[in-house]
Amino acid sequence: MKELKRASSLWAKKKSRQWSLFQWQAGYGAFSVSQSQKERVREYIRTQEEHHRRLSFQDELRALLKKHEIAFDERYVWD
């Protein structure tokens, strides 16, 4: 995960000046997606900025974890 974060940060910063200050949060989460949902995920990513104007990332993650019955402790989830 460390290498993926490093490589993607370098890629983003080389891609455009607007990403020059980009950095990942300290931790990470990983989720799998089935092949049948690939286009739905792409659309979600494409409209993510607009989507998070209506629902915060934190609220969305809480709902996702609860929906899939994944236990979590808020003290360790957010930076």
C-alpha atoms as a PDB file:
ATOM      1  CA  MET A   1       0.000   0.000   0.000  1.00  0.00           C
ATOM      2  CA  LYS A   2       2.869   2.334   0.810  1.00  0.00           C
ATOM      3  CA  GLU A   3       4.294   1.934  -2.705  1.00  0.00           C
ATOM      4  CA  LEU A   4       0.897   2.451  -4.329  1.00  0.00           C
ATOM      5  CA  LYS A   5       0.370   5.681  -2.380  1.00  0.00           C
ATOM      6  CA  ARG A   6       3.888   6.889  -3.230  1.00  0.00           C
ATOM      7  CA  ALA A   7       3.607   6.085  -6.934  1.00  0.00           C
ATOM      8  CA  SER A   8       0.124   7.555  -7.320  1.00  0.00           C
ATOM      9  CA  SER A   9       1.169  10.766  -5.533  1.00  0.00           C
ATOM     10  CA  LEU A  10       4.129  11.178  -7.881  1.00  0.00           C
ATOM     11  CA  TRP A  11       1.931  10.461 -10.901  1.00  0.00           C
ATOM     12  CA  ALA A  12      -0.701  13.047  -9.847  1.00  0.00           C
ATOM     13  CA  LYS A  13       1.916  15.723  -9.162  1.00  0.00           C
ATOM     14  CA  LYS A  14       3.535  15.176 -12.575  1.00  0.00           C
ATOM     15  CA  LYS A  15       0.150  15.173 -14.319  1.00  0.00           C
ATOM     16  CA  SER A  16      -0.854  18.730 -13.465  1.00  0.00           C
ATOM     17  CA  ARG A  17       0.218  21.727 -11.394  1.00  0.00           C
ATOM     18  CA  GLN A  18      -3.165  21.757  -9.683  1.00  0.00           C
ATOM     19  CA  TRP A  19      -2.114  18.531  -7.926  1.00  0.00           C
ATOM     20  CA  SER A  20       1.244  19.876  -6.724  1.00  0.00           C
ATOM     21  CA  LEU A  21       0.129  19.889  -3.071  1.00  0.00           C
ATOM     22  CA  PHE A  22      -1.677  16.551  -3.244  1.00  0.00           C
ATOM     23  CA  GLN A  23      -1.015  14.103  -0.432  1.00  0.00           C
ATOM     24  CA  TRP A  24      -2.709  10.994   0.886  1.00  0.00           C
ATOM     25  CA  GLN A  25      -4.034  10.746   4.417  1.00  0.00           C
ATOM     26  CA  ALA A  26      -1.891   8.763   6.849  1.00  0.00           C
ATOM     27  CA  GLY A  27      -3.998   5.591   6.798  1.00  0.00           C
ATOM     28  CA  TYR A  28      -5.873   3.735   4.108  1.00  0.00           C
ATOM     29  CA  GLY A  29      -8.827   1.472   3.441  1.00  0.00           C
ATOM     30  CA  ALA A  30      -9.218  -1.085   0.701  1.00  0.00           C
ATOM     31  CA  PHE A  31     -12.411  -2.394  -0.847  1.00  0.00           C
ATOM     32  CA  SER A  32     -12.945  -4.824  -3.663  1.00  0.00           C
ATOM     33  CA  VAL A  33     -15.409  -4.268  -6.488  1.00  0.00           C
ATOM     34  CA  SER A  34     -16.902  -6.942  -8.693  1.00  0.00           C
ATOM     35  CA  GLN A  35     -16.288  -6.730 -12.434  1.00  0.00           C
ATOM     36  CA  SER A  36     -20.031  -6.325 -13.018  1.00  0.00           C
ATOM     37  CA  GLN A  37     -19.970  -3.033 -11.071  1.00  0.00           C
ATOM     38  CA  LYS A  38     -16.984  -1.515 -12.885  1.00  0.00           C
ATOM     39  CA  GLU A  39     -18.970   1.082 -14.849  1.00  0.00           C
ATOM     40  CA  ARG A  40     -20.969   2.073 -11.782  1.00  0.00           C
ATOM     41  CA  VAL A  41     -17.736   2.655  -9.851  1.00  0.00           C
ATOM     42  CA  ARG A  42     -16.279   4.715 -12.704  1.00  0.00           C
ATOM     43  CA  GLU A  43     -19.396   6.901 -12.699  1.00  0.00           C
ATOM     44  CA  TYR A  44     -19.152   7.288  -8.925  1.00  0.00           C
ATOM     45  CA  ILE A  45     -15.535   8.415  -9.223  1.00  0.00           C
ATOM     46  CA  ARG A  46     -16.389  10.793 -12.072  1.00  0.00           C
ATOM     47  CA  THR A  47     -19.135  12.513 -10.020  1.00  0.00           C
ATOM     48  CA  GLN A  48     -17.514  12.129  -6.590  1.00  0.00           C
ATOM     49  CA  GLU A  49     -16.920  15.834  -6.004  1.00  0.00           C
ATOM     50  CA  GLU A  50     -20.591  16.639  -6.656  1.00  0.00           C
ATOM     51  CA  HIS A  51     -21.732  13.619  -4.634  1.00  0.00           C
ATOM     52  CA  HIS A  52     -19.750  14.735  -1.567  1.00  0.00           C
ATOM     53  CA  ARG A  53     -21.441  18.120  -1.607  1.00  0.00           C
ATOM     54  CA  ARG A  54     -24.604  16.245  -0.560  1.00  0.00           C
ATOM     55  CA  LEU A  55     -23.100  13.513   1.631  1.00  0.00           C
ATOM     56  CA  SER A  56     -19.796  13.828   3.433  1.00  0.00           C
ATOM     57  CA  PHE A  57     -17.096  11.235   2.917  1.00  0.00           C
ATOM     58  CA  GLN A  58     -17.246  10.436   6.626  1.00  0.00           C
ATOM     59  CA  ASP A  59     -21.011   9.805   6.571  1.00  0.00           C
ATOM     60  CA  GLU A  60     -20.720   7.743   3.415  1.00  0.00           C
ATOM     61  CA  LEU A  61     -17.961   5.560   4.873  1.00  0.00           C
ATOM     62  CA  ARG A  62     -19.878   5.074   8.127  1.00  0.00           C
ATOM     63  CA  ALA A  63     -22.951   3.937   6.155  1.00  0.00           C
ATOM     64  CA  LEU A  64     -20.889   1.604   3.971  1.00  0.00           C
ATOM     65  CA  LEU A  65     -19.192  -0.027   6.955  1.00  0.00           C
ATOM     66  CA  LYS A  66     -22.492  -0.431   8.805  1.00  0.00           C
ATOM     67  CA  LYS A  67     -24.258  -1.817   5.708  1.00  0.00           C
ATOM     68  CA  HIS A  68     -21.622  -4.543   5.399  1.00  0.00           C
ATOM     69  CA  GLU A  69     -21.460  -5.131   9.166  1.00  0.00           C
ATOM     70  CA  ILE A  70     -17.822  -4.104   9.429  1.00  0.00           C
ATOM     71  CA  ALA A  71     -16.935  -3.118  12.976  1.00  0.00           C
ATOM     72  CA  PHE A  72     -14.898   0.056  13.361  1.00  0.00           C
ATOM     73  CA  ASP A  73     -13.784   2.475  16.017  1.00  0.00           C
ATOM     74  CA  GLU A  74     -14.073   6.146  15.041  1.00  0.00           C
ATOM     75  CA  ARG A  75     -10.951   6.935  17.078  1.00  0.00           C
ATOM     76  CA  TYR A  76      -8.877   5.087  14.476  1.00  0.00           C
ATOM     77  CA  VAL A  77     -10.722   5.905  11.253  1.00  0.00           C
ATOM     78  CA  TRP A  78     -10.083   9.618  10.712  1.00  0.00           C
ATOM     79  CA  ASP A  79      -6.832  11.582  10.544  1.00  0.00           C
END
